[in-house]
């Protein structure tokens, strides 16, 4: 699985925007009749949302 616990994603707004962009682009792909890429981007949004909001530990805390 992807390791998204990077210092770049410490601010909450960056995590929220990343997940919303993934879901938004997946929606665009579904609307343009490209279900494969829609599933890919929605899946990325699910993985990112899980790692950012359910399984998140601050990367600065582990040092």
C-alpha atoms as a PDB file:
ATOM      1  CA  UNK A   1       0.000   0.000   0.000  1.00  0.00           C
ATOM      2  CA  UNK A   2       1.092   3.593  -0.476  1.00  0.00           C
ATOM      3  CA  UNK A   3       2.767   5.329   2.449  1.00  0.00           C
ATOM      4  CA  UNK A   4       1.227   8.793   2.572  1.00  0.00           C
ATOM      5  CA  UNK A   5       2.548   9.704   6.029  1.00  0.00           C
ATOM      6  CA  UNK A   6       4.831  12.415   4.718  1.00  0.00           C
ATOM      7  CA  UNK A   7       5.605  15.801   6.293  1.00  0.00           C
ATOM      8  CA  UNK A   8       4.012  17.444   3.233  1.00  0.00           C
ATOM      9  CA  UNK A   9       0.595  16.190   4.386  1.00  0.00           C
ATOM     10  CA  UNK A  10       0.833  17.461   7.985  1.00  0.00           C
ATOM     11  CA  UNK A  11      -1.597  20.369   7.407  1.00  0.00           C
ATOM     12  CA  UNK A  12      -5.192  19.152   7.455  1.00  0.00           C
ATOM     13  CA  UNK A  13      -6.204  21.245   4.448  1.00  0.00           C
ATOM     14  CA  UNK A  14      -3.733  19.429   2.180  1.00  0.00           C
ATOM     15  CA  UNK A  15      -5.143  16.058   3.186  1.00  0.00           C
ATOM     16  CA  UNK A  16      -8.719  17.203   2.634  1.00  0.00           C
ATOM     17  CA  UNK A  17      -7.921  18.724  -0.766  1.00  0.00           C
ATOM     18  CA  UNK A  18      -6.067  15.590  -1.889  1.00  0.00           C
ATOM     19  CA  UNK A  19      -9.020  13.337  -1.065  1.00  0.00           C
ATOM     20  CA  UNK A  20     -11.550  15.706  -2.634  1.00  0.00           C
ATOM     21  CA  UNK A  21      -9.516  16.018  -5.832  1.00  0.00           C
ATOM     22  CA  UNK A  22      -9.323  12.226  -6.155  1.00  0.00           C
ATOM     23  CA  UNK A  23     -13.083  11.825  -5.690  1.00  0.00           C
ATOM     24  CA  UNK A  24     -13.798  14.804  -7.936  1.00  0.00           C
ATOM     25  CA  UNK A  25     -11.646  13.530 -10.758  1.00  0.00           C
ATOM     26  CA  UNK A  26     -13.177  10.079 -10.405  1.00  0.00           C
ATOM     27  CA  UNK A  27     -16.587  11.679 -10.815  1.00  0.00           C
ATOM     28  CA  UNK A  28     -15.399  13.509 -13.939  1.00  0.00           C
ATOM     29  CA  UNK A  29     -14.147  10.239 -15.407  1.00  0.00           C
ATOM     30  CA  UNK A  30     -17.471   8.504 -14.717  1.00  0.00           C
ATOM     31  CA  UNK A  31     -19.308  11.446 -16.286  1.00  0.00           C
ATOM     32  CA  UNK A  32     -17.128  11.139 -19.399  1.00  0.00           C
ATOM     33  CA  UNK A  33     -17.987   7.450 -19.709  1.00  0.00           C
ATOM     34  CA  UNK A  34     -14.554   6.195 -18.604  1.00  0.00           C
ATOM     35  CA  UNK A  35     -15.419   3.810 -15.760  1.00  0.00           C
ATOM     36  CA  UNK A  36     -11.951   2.258 -15.486  1.00  0.00           C
ATOM     37  CA  UNK A  37     -10.279   5.548 -14.637  1.00  0.00           C
ATOM     38  CA  UNK A  38     -13.247   6.525 -12.480  1.00  0.00           C
ATOM     39  CA  UNK A  39     -12.733   3.409 -10.385  1.00  0.00           C
ATOM     40  CA  UNK A  40      -8.982   4.076 -10.210  1.00  0.00           C
ATOM     41  CA  UNK A  41      -9.388   7.630  -8.918  1.00  0.00           C
ATOM     42  CA  UNK A  42     -12.217   6.829  -6.521  1.00  0.00           C
ATOM     43  CA  UNK A  43     -10.082   3.952  -5.199  1.00  0.00           C
ATOM     44  CA  UNK A  44      -7.176   6.331  -4.690  1.00  0.00           C
ATOM     45  CA  UNK A  45      -9.513   8.653  -2.810  1.00  0.00           C
ATOM     46  CA  UNK A  46     -10.647   5.811  -0.561  1.00  0.00           C
ATOM     47  CA  UNK A  47      -7.056   4.763   0.194  1.00  0.00           C
ATOM     48  CA  UNK A  48      -5.977   8.357   0.805  1.00  0.00           C
ATOM     49  CA  UNK A  49      -9.010   9.025   3.015  1.00  0.00           C
ATOM     50  CA  UNK A  50      -8.308   5.925   5.065  1.00  0.00           C
ATOM     51  CA  UNK A  51      -4.658   6.824   5.576  1.00  0.00           C
ATOM     52  CA  UNK A  52      -5.308  10.529   6.161  1.00  0.00           C
ATOM     53  CA  UNK A  53      -8.273  10.362   8.514  1.00  0.00           C
ATOM     54  CA  UNK A  54      -8.576   6.881  10.030  1.00  0.00           C
ATOM     55  CA  UNK A  55      -4.996   5.637  10.239  1.00  0.00           C
ATOM     56  CA  UNK A  56      -3.172   8.976  10.516  1.00  0.00           C
ATOM     57  CA  UNK A  57      -0.206   9.503  12.798  1.00  0.00           C
ATOM     58  CA  UNK A  58       1.739  12.729  12.590  1.00  0.00           C
ATOM     59  CA  UNK A  59       5.094  12.100  10.852  1.00  0.00           C
ATOM     60  CA  UNK A  60       6.784  14.504  13.272  1.00  0.00           C
ATOM     61  CA  UNK A  61       5.712  12.424  16.305  1.00  0.00           C
ATOM     62  CA  UNK A  62       7.710   9.336  15.288  1.00  0.00           C
ATOM     63  CA  UNK A  63      11.113  11.071  15.610  1.00  0.00           C
END
